Amino acid sequence: MTRARQMMASGARRRQLLAAAAALPLAAGASAPVFPSRTVRIIVPYSVGIGPDVVSRTVAMELERRWSQPVVIENKPGASGIVAFNELRQTAPDGHTLFVGDTGSLAVNPLIHASLPYDVERDIAPLTTLFRATFVLHVSSKSRFNSLGELIAQARKAPRSVSYASFGNGHPSHVAVETFARAANLDLLHVPFKDGGTQMSAVANGDVDFTTLSMNTMMPLIKAGKIRPLAVAARTRLAEFPDIPTFAEAGGPPVEMRPWAGLVARAGTPAPILQQLHRDLMHALGTDAVRERIEAAGFQLAPSTPQQMRDLIAADVAQYTPLVREGRVTKV
C-alpha cells in the first residue's frame, strides 16, 4: 500500500471513530426514560382543605406547568395514613406515584404498630420536606376556659376531666398534645376523630374541650365566631396573629408543636428519576407564586435534601419514643 493510500485509510478510520463517538450521546439520550411520561399521582392521607392537602395542591399546579403532564391529588384520609401508604407500595417504582408523609406516618406509626404493612427504611425514597406549620390550641367560643392557664389548672385538679380531639392515635395532632401534657404533667382525655369536619364541629359545639390545629385550618370557624384560639405552641407569637400568646406566656410549658409534611417516592425508583423529582420540587418550592400561596395559607416552606428528611424522621422517632414507652400514645 502506498503512503498516500495509507493516509487516506487512516483518515477514513478517524472519521468513522469520530462519527461513532458523536452518535453515542444521541443513543444514550434516546434510551434514557422520559419522566414523567403520564399523569403523576400524589396520595394525600388527609381530607381536602387540611394543611398537607393545601400545600400539595399548590405544588402540584407548579409541577403541571413544568412537566406539561397532569398532577392529580388523591385524598385518602384515615387509618393514620396506613391505607394511603400501602397504596404507594402497590405501584411501580417509577416516580409516577408520590406520597405525602408526615411525622405520624413516617415516625410514629413504626413505633406503635406491632404489624405495620410497610417499613419506612425499606419502602420509601425521601424527596423533600414541604412545609412546617405551627399548632395553635383552640377551644369553643362557648368554652369554660378563657386561658391556657385555666385549662391546665382544671386538668391538674381533676385528671381526665379535660378532653381534646385529634385525628387519631399517633397522628401529629395527638403526639403534639401528649408532648404538651407530658411537659405539664397532665392526664388528658383523648377523643380521636376520623376526619377534620367532625373533629372541628365537636370542638365548636363544646363536645370536646380543645384541639390543636393550624390557624389556616381553623380560620373559617374562627371568623364565624365558633372557635377561639387560646395559645400558640411556639417560642414566639405568630406574626399574622400577634394577639395570641405563646404557651409559655399563657402559663404553660414552653413546648413547640411544629408539624411537618414531605414528599416521598417508592423505594427502588431509579436514581435519575429521583434526582429529577428533587430538582423539579426545589424549583416549584422556590417560585414566588408557590411561596406566596403557601405562606398566605399559614405555613412555612421547608425544602430539604433527601438526607435531611431522613434525619428529621429519626429525630421525631427519638422525641416520641418516650410517649409510647409511657403509654401516652398507645401501641396497637
Protein backbone atom coordinates (compact mmCIF):
# COMPACT_ATOMS: atom_id res chain seq x y z
CA MET A 1 0.00 0.00 0.00
CA THR A 2 1.41 3.41 -0.99
CA ARG A 3 1.86 6.10 1.65
CA ALA A 4 -0.92 8.14 0.08
CA ARG A 5 -3.34 5.21 0.32
CA GLN A 6 -2.29 4.59 3.94
CA MET A 7 -3.02 8.20 4.83
CA MET A 8 -6.42 8.01 3.13
CA ALA A 9 -7.32 4.81 5.02
CA SER A 10 -6.16 6.27 8.32
CA GLY A 11 -8.25 9.39 7.71
CA ALA A 12 -11.30 7.27 6.92
CA ARG A 13 -10.86 5.31 10.16
CA ARG A 14 -10.59 8.55 12.15
CA ARG A 15 -13.76 9.84 10.54
CA GLN A 16 -15.55 6.59 11.40
CA LEU A 17 -14.41 6.77 15.04
CA LEU A 18 -15.46 10.41 15.34
CA ALA A 19 -18.85 9.64 13.85
CA ALA A 20 -19.33 6.75 16.27
CA ALA A 21 -18.31 8.89 19.23
CA ALA A 22 -20.69 11.65 18.18
CA ALA A 23 -23.51 9.12 17.94
CA LEU A 24 -23.02 7.77 21.48
CA PRO A 25 -24.70 10.66 23.37
CA LEU A 26 -27.61 10.51 20.96
CA ALA A 27 -28.04 6.81 21.55
CA ALA A 28 -27.81 7.23 25.32
CA GLY A 29 -30.25 10.08 25.23
CA ALA A 30 -32.65 8.11 23.12
CA SER A 31 -32.64 5.19 25.58
CA ALA A 32 -32.99 7.34 28.73
CA PRO A 33 -36.51 7.17 30.25
CA VAL A 34 -38.64 10.26 29.79
CA PHE A 35 -40.16 11.42 33.07
CA PRO A 36 -42.97 12.00 33.58
CA SER A 37 -44.47 10.10 30.67
CA ARG A 38 -48.04 10.17 32.01
CA THR A 39 -50.17 11.52 34.88
CA VAL A 40 -48.42 11.80 38.24
CA ARG A 41 -50.47 10.95 41.34
CA ILE A 42 -49.83 12.48 44.76
CA ILE A 43 -51.54 10.48 47.50
CA VAL A 44 -52.52 12.69 50.46
CA PRO A 45 -53.68 10.88 53.64
CA TYR A 46 -55.81 13.87 54.69
CA SER A 47 -59.16 15.40 53.84
CA VAL A 48 -59.48 18.24 51.35
CA GLY A 49 -58.60 21.60 52.94
CA ILE A 50 -56.29 20.23 55.65
CA GLY A 51 -52.72 21.63 55.62
CA PRO A 52 -50.91 18.89 53.66
CA ASP A 53 -53.69 18.89 51.07
CA VAL A 54 -53.50 22.67 50.60
CA VAL A 55 -49.72 22.62 50.15
CA SER A 56 -49.77 19.57 47.88
CA ARG A 57 -52.28 21.15 45.52
CA THR A 58 -50.22 24.33 45.34
CA VAL A 59 -47.05 22.42 44.46
CA ALA A 60 -48.95 20.17 42.02
CA MET A 61 -50.07 23.16 39.96
CA GLU A 62 -46.47 24.31 39.51
CA LEU A 63 -45.29 20.80 38.62
CA GLU A 64 -48.01 20.52 35.99
CA ARG A 65 -46.74 23.66 34.31
CA ARG A 66 -43.17 22.41 34.41
CA TRP A 67 -43.92 18.89 33.21
CA SER A 68 -46.83 19.50 30.82
CA GLN A 69 -48.41 16.44 32.40
CA PRO A 70 -51.39 16.23 34.79
CA VAL A 71 -50.55 16.03 38.51
CA VAL A 72 -53.54 14.64 40.38
CA ILE A 73 -54.15 14.83 44.14
CA GLU A 74 -55.84 11.77 45.62
CA ASN A 75 -57.17 12.26 49.15
CA LYS A 76 -57.24 9.08 51.23
CA PRO A 77 -57.74 10.10 54.88
CA GLY A 78 -57.98 7.78 57.86
CA ALA A 79 -56.09 4.89 59.46
CA SER A 80 -53.14 7.17 60.32
CA GLY A 81 -52.03 7.15 56.70
CA ILE A 82 -51.53 3.37 56.62
CA VAL A 83 -54.06 2.71 53.83
CA ALA A 84 -52.70 5.56 51.74
CA PHE A 85 -49.09 4.48 52.24
CA ASN A 86 -49.90 0.90 51.42
CA GLU A 87 -51.31 2.04 48.09
CA LEU A 88 -47.95 3.61 47.26
CA ARG A 89 -46.28 0.23 47.89
CA GLN A 90 -48.53 -1.38 45.28
CA THR A 91 -47.43 0.95 42.49
CA ALA A 92 -44.47 0.65 40.16
CA PRO A 93 -41.29 2.34 41.46
CA ASP A 94 -41.14 4.78 38.57
CA GLY A 95 -41.86 8.14 40.23
CA HIS A 96 -45.38 8.47 38.85
CA THR A 97 -46.96 7.95 42.29
CA LEU A 98 -45.82 10.01 45.28
CA PHE A 99 -46.96 10.06 48.90
CA VAL A 100 -47.28 12.95 51.34
CA GLY A 101 -45.82 11.63 54.60
CA ASP A 102 -45.53 13.31 57.98
CA THR A 103 -44.31 12.58 61.48
CA GLY A 104 -47.31 10.32 62.08
CA SER A 105 -46.97 8.02 59.10
CA LEU A 106 -43.17 8.04 58.90
CA ALA A 107 -42.02 8.27 62.53
CA VAL A 108 -44.83 7.38 64.95
CA ASN A 109 -46.59 4.53 63.11
CA PRO A 110 -43.49 2.31 63.23
CA LEU A 111 -43.31 2.92 66.99
CA ILE A 112 -46.89 1.96 67.80
CA HIS A 113 -47.89 -0.72 65.29
CA ALA A 114 -46.71 -4.24 66.02
CA SER A 115 -47.66 -5.30 62.49
CA LEU A 116 -47.28 -2.47 60.02
CA PRO A 117 -47.76 -3.24 56.30
CA TYR A 118 -44.77 -1.11 55.37
CA ASP A 119 -41.23 -0.39 56.50
CA VAL A 120 -40.09 3.24 56.31
CA GLU A 121 -36.43 2.36 55.80
CA ARG A 122 -37.16 -0.28 53.20
CA ASP A 123 -40.13 1.15 51.30
CA ILE A 124 -39.61 4.89 50.82
CA ALA A 125 -37.26 7.15 48.95
CA PRO A 126 -37.45 10.59 50.64
CA LEU A 127 -37.55 13.56 48.27
CA THR A 128 -38.01 16.70 50.37
CA THR A 129 -39.93 18.13 53.27
CA LEU A 130 -42.58 20.56 52.03
CA PHE A 131 -43.55 22.69 55.00
CA ARG A 132 -43.67 23.17 58.71
CA ALA A 133 -46.71 24.57 60.48
CA THR A 134 -47.43 25.77 64.00
CA PHE A 135 -50.21 24.26 66.05
CA VAL A 136 -52.49 26.56 67.99
CA LEU A 137 -54.66 25.35 70.87
CA HIS A 138 -58.31 26.10 70.05
CA VAL A 139 -61.46 25.95 72.19
CA SER A 140 -65.12 26.60 71.51
CA SER A 141 -66.20 30.22 71.70
CA LYS A 142 -68.52 28.98 74.49
CA SER A 143 -65.71 27.18 76.33
CA ARG A 144 -65.41 27.24 80.10
CA PHE A 145 -61.74 28.10 79.63
CA ASN A 146 -60.67 31.68 78.99
CA SER A 147 -56.95 30.95 79.06
CA LEU A 148 -54.47 28.12 78.80
CA GLY A 149 -53.71 28.60 82.48
CA GLU A 150 -57.34 27.87 83.40
CA LEU A 151 -57.33 24.73 81.24
CA ILE A 152 -54.13 23.44 82.87
CA ALA A 153 -55.45 24.20 86.37
CA GLN A 154 -58.63 22.20 85.73
CA ALA A 155 -56.68 19.27 84.23
CA ARG A 156 -54.42 19.15 87.30
CA LYS A 157 -57.37 19.40 89.65
CA ALA A 158 -59.24 16.51 88.05
CA PRO A 159 -57.26 14.14 85.77
CA ARG A 160 -59.02 13.27 82.50
CA SER A 161 -61.65 15.95 83.10
CA VAL A 162 -60.30 17.95 80.14
CA SER A 163 -60.71 16.37 76.71
CA TYR A 164 -59.04 17.03 73.38
CA ALA A 165 -59.70 16.00 69.79
CA SER A 166 -57.17 14.64 67.33
CA PHE A 167 -57.09 12.77 64.03
CA GLY A 168 -56.31 9.54 65.85
CA ASN A 169 -53.74 7.57 67.80
CA GLY A 170 -50.23 8.51 66.68
CA HIS A 171 -51.32 11.38 64.46
CA PRO A 172 -49.23 14.59 64.74
CA SER A 173 -52.19 16.31 66.41
CA HIS A 174 -52.16 13.51 69.02
CA VAL A 175 -48.44 13.30 69.76
CA ALA A 176 -48.24 17.11 69.86
CA VAL A 177 -50.84 17.36 72.63
CA GLU A 178 -49.29 14.50 74.56
CA THR A 179 -45.91 16.21 74.32
CA PHE A 180 -47.54 19.26 75.92
CA ALA A 181 -49.37 17.11 78.51
CA ARG A 182 -46.16 15.30 79.45
CA ALA A 183 -44.29 18.59 79.89
CA ALA A 184 -47.12 19.99 82.05
CA ASN A 185 -47.65 16.70 83.92
CA LEU A 186 -51.29 16.42 82.81
CA ASP A 187 -53.56 13.45 82.23
CA LEU A 188 -55.95 14.47 79.44
CA LEU A 189 -58.81 12.58 77.80
CA HIS A 190 -58.05 11.80 74.17
CA VAL A 191 -61.00 11.76 71.74
CA PRO A 192 -59.93 10.60 68.25
CA PHE A 193 -61.79 11.51 65.05
CA LYS A 194 -61.54 10.14 61.52
CA ASP A 195 -61.89 13.42 59.66
CA GLY A 196 -61.40 17.13 60.16
CA GLY A 197 -65.03 18.17 59.71
CA THR A 198 -66.43 16.15 62.59
CA GLN A 199 -63.42 16.95 64.75
CA MET A 200 -63.78 20.71 64.36
CA SER A 201 -67.56 20.55 64.79
CA ALA A 202 -67.14 18.63 68.05
CA VAL A 203 -64.83 21.34 69.40
CA ALA A 204 -67.04 24.18 68.13
CA ASN A 205 -70.09 22.59 69.77
CA GLY A 206 -68.25 22.09 73.07
CA ASP A 207 -68.47 18.29 72.92
CA VAL A 208 -64.66 18.20 73.26
CA ASP A 209 -62.73 20.83 75.19
CA PHE A 210 -59.97 21.64 72.71
CA THR A 211 -57.90 20.66 69.71
CA THR A 212 -54.57 21.71 68.24
CA LEU A 213 -54.54 22.58 64.56
CA SER A 214 -53.07 25.33 62.41
CA MET A 215 -54.72 28.74 62.17
CA ASN A 216 -55.30 28.17 58.45
CA THR A 217 -57.36 25.06 59.11
CA MET A 218 -59.48 26.67 61.83
CA MET A 219 -59.86 30.14 60.30
CA PRO A 220 -63.38 29.63 58.85
CA LEU A 221 -64.70 28.66 62.29
CA ILE A 222 -62.77 31.48 63.97
CA LYS A 223 -64.27 34.03 61.56
CA ALA A 224 -67.70 32.53 62.17
CA GLY A 225 -67.25 33.09 65.91
CA LYS A 226 -67.45 29.40 66.75
CA ILE A 227 -63.80 28.78 67.72
CA ARG A 228 -61.43 30.78 69.92
CA PRO A 229 -57.62 30.34 69.83
CA LEU A 230 -56.02 30.27 73.30
CA ALA A 231 -52.28 29.89 72.75
CA VAL A 232 -49.58 29.29 70.14
CA ALA A 233 -47.32 26.26 70.55
CA ALA A 234 -44.15 28.11 69.54
CA ARG A 235 -41.35 30.14 71.07
CA THR A 236 -42.66 33.37 69.59
CA ARG A 237 -46.07 34.68 68.64
CA LEU A 238 -47.32 34.31 65.10
CA ALA A 239 -46.61 37.48 63.14
CA GLU A 240 -50.04 37.31 61.49
CA PHE A 241 -51.81 36.89 64.86
CA PRO A 242 -49.82 38.88 67.41
CA ASP A 243 -52.66 38.90 69.97
CA ILE A 244 -52.46 35.14 70.60
CA PRO A 245 -49.95 34.40 73.40
CA THR A 246 -47.42 31.58 73.31
CA PHE A 247 -47.82 28.59 75.60
CA ALA A 248 -45.16 29.98 77.95
CA GLU A 249 -46.80 33.42 78.04
CA ALA A 250 -50.19 31.83 78.74
CA GLY A 251 -48.99 29.84 81.75
CA GLY A 252 -47.99 26.59 80.08
CA PRO A 253 -44.72 24.80 79.38
CA PRO A 254 -42.60 26.27 76.56
CA VAL A 255 -43.25 23.41 74.16
CA GLU A 256 -43.33 23.69 70.40
CA MET A 257 -45.80 21.85 68.19
CA ARG A 258 -44.37 22.13 64.69
CA PRO A 259 -45.96 19.54 62.40
CA TRP A 260 -44.36 18.94 59.02
CA ALA A 261 -45.06 17.06 55.84
CA GLY A 262 -42.89 15.90 52.96
CA LEU A 263 -42.98 14.02 49.70
CA VAL A 264 -41.63 10.52 49.21
CA ALA A 265 -41.42 8.16 46.26
CA ARG A 266 -41.37 4.41 46.38
CA ALA A 267 -38.04 2.78 47.12
CA GLY A 268 -36.47 1.30 44.03
CA THR A 269 -37.28 4.30 41.85
CA PRO A 270 -34.30 4.82 39.51
CA ALA A 271 -31.78 7.37 40.76
CA PRO A 272 -32.08 9.65 37.69
CA ILE A 273 -35.84 9.97 38.27
CA LEU A 274 -35.36 10.66 41.99
CA GLN A 275 -32.81 13.32 41.12
CA GLN A 276 -35.14 14.94 38.61
CA LEU A 277 -38.04 14.84 41.08
CA HIS A 278 -35.90 16.58 43.69
CA ARG A 279 -34.69 19.21 41.21
CA ASP A 280 -38.21 19.92 39.98
CA LEU A 281 -39.61 20.08 43.51
CA MET A 282 -36.87 22.52 44.52
CA HIS A 283 -37.80 24.62 41.51
CA ALA A 284 -41.51 24.54 42.41
CA LEU A 285 -40.91 25.39 46.06
CA GLY A 286 -38.59 28.22 45.00
CA THR A 287 -41.09 30.05 42.82
CA ASP A 288 -42.66 33.23 44.17
CA ALA A 289 -46.18 32.03 43.32
CA VAL A 290 -45.85 28.82 45.35
CA ARG A 291 -44.13 30.53 48.26
CA GLU A 292 -46.73 33.31 48.45
CA ARG A 293 -49.69 30.92 48.30
CA ILE A 294 -48.26 28.59 50.94
CA GLU A 295 -47.24 31.39 53.30
CA ALA A 296 -50.63 33.05 52.84
CA ALA A 297 -52.18 29.77 53.98
CA GLY A 298 -50.17 30.00 57.20
CA PHE A 299 -47.37 27.51 56.52
CA GLN A 300 -43.60 27.85 56.43
CA LEU A 301 -41.87 26.39 53.40
CA ALA A 302 -39.20 23.89 54.41
CA PRO A 303 -37.46 22.40 51.35
CA SER A 304 -34.75 19.87 52.19
CA THR A 305 -32.42 17.28 50.81
CA PRO A 306 -33.50 13.62 50.98
CA GLN A 307 -30.93 13.03 53.76
CA GLN A 308 -32.23 15.98 55.79
CA MET A 309 -35.70 14.46 55.59
CA ARG A 310 -34.35 11.12 56.83
CA ASP A 311 -32.64 12.95 59.72
CA LEU A 312 -35.92 14.68 60.62
CA ILE A 313 -37.74 11.34 60.73
CA ALA A 314 -35.02 9.93 63.02
CA ALA A 315 -35.25 12.96 65.33
CA ASP A 316 -39.02 12.51 65.62
CA VAL A 317 -38.60 8.83 66.46
CA ALA A 318 -36.28 9.82 69.30
CA GLN A 319 -38.64 12.54 70.54
CA TYR A 320 -41.80 10.43 70.56
CA THR A 321 -40.40 7.14 71.82
CA PRO A 322 -40.91 8.22 75.49
CA LEU A 323 -44.61 8.95 74.78
CA VAL A 324 -45.07 5.38 73.58
CA ARG A 325 -42.98 3.90 76.38
CA GLU A 326 -45.07 5.74 78.99
CA GLY A 327 -48.40 4.78 77.39
CA ARG A 328 -49.39 8.30 76.36
CA VAL A 329 -49.50 7.06 72.78
CA THR A 330 -50.92 3.55 72.65
CA LYS A 331 -49.27 0.60 70.94
CA VAL A 332 -51.65 -1.32 68.68
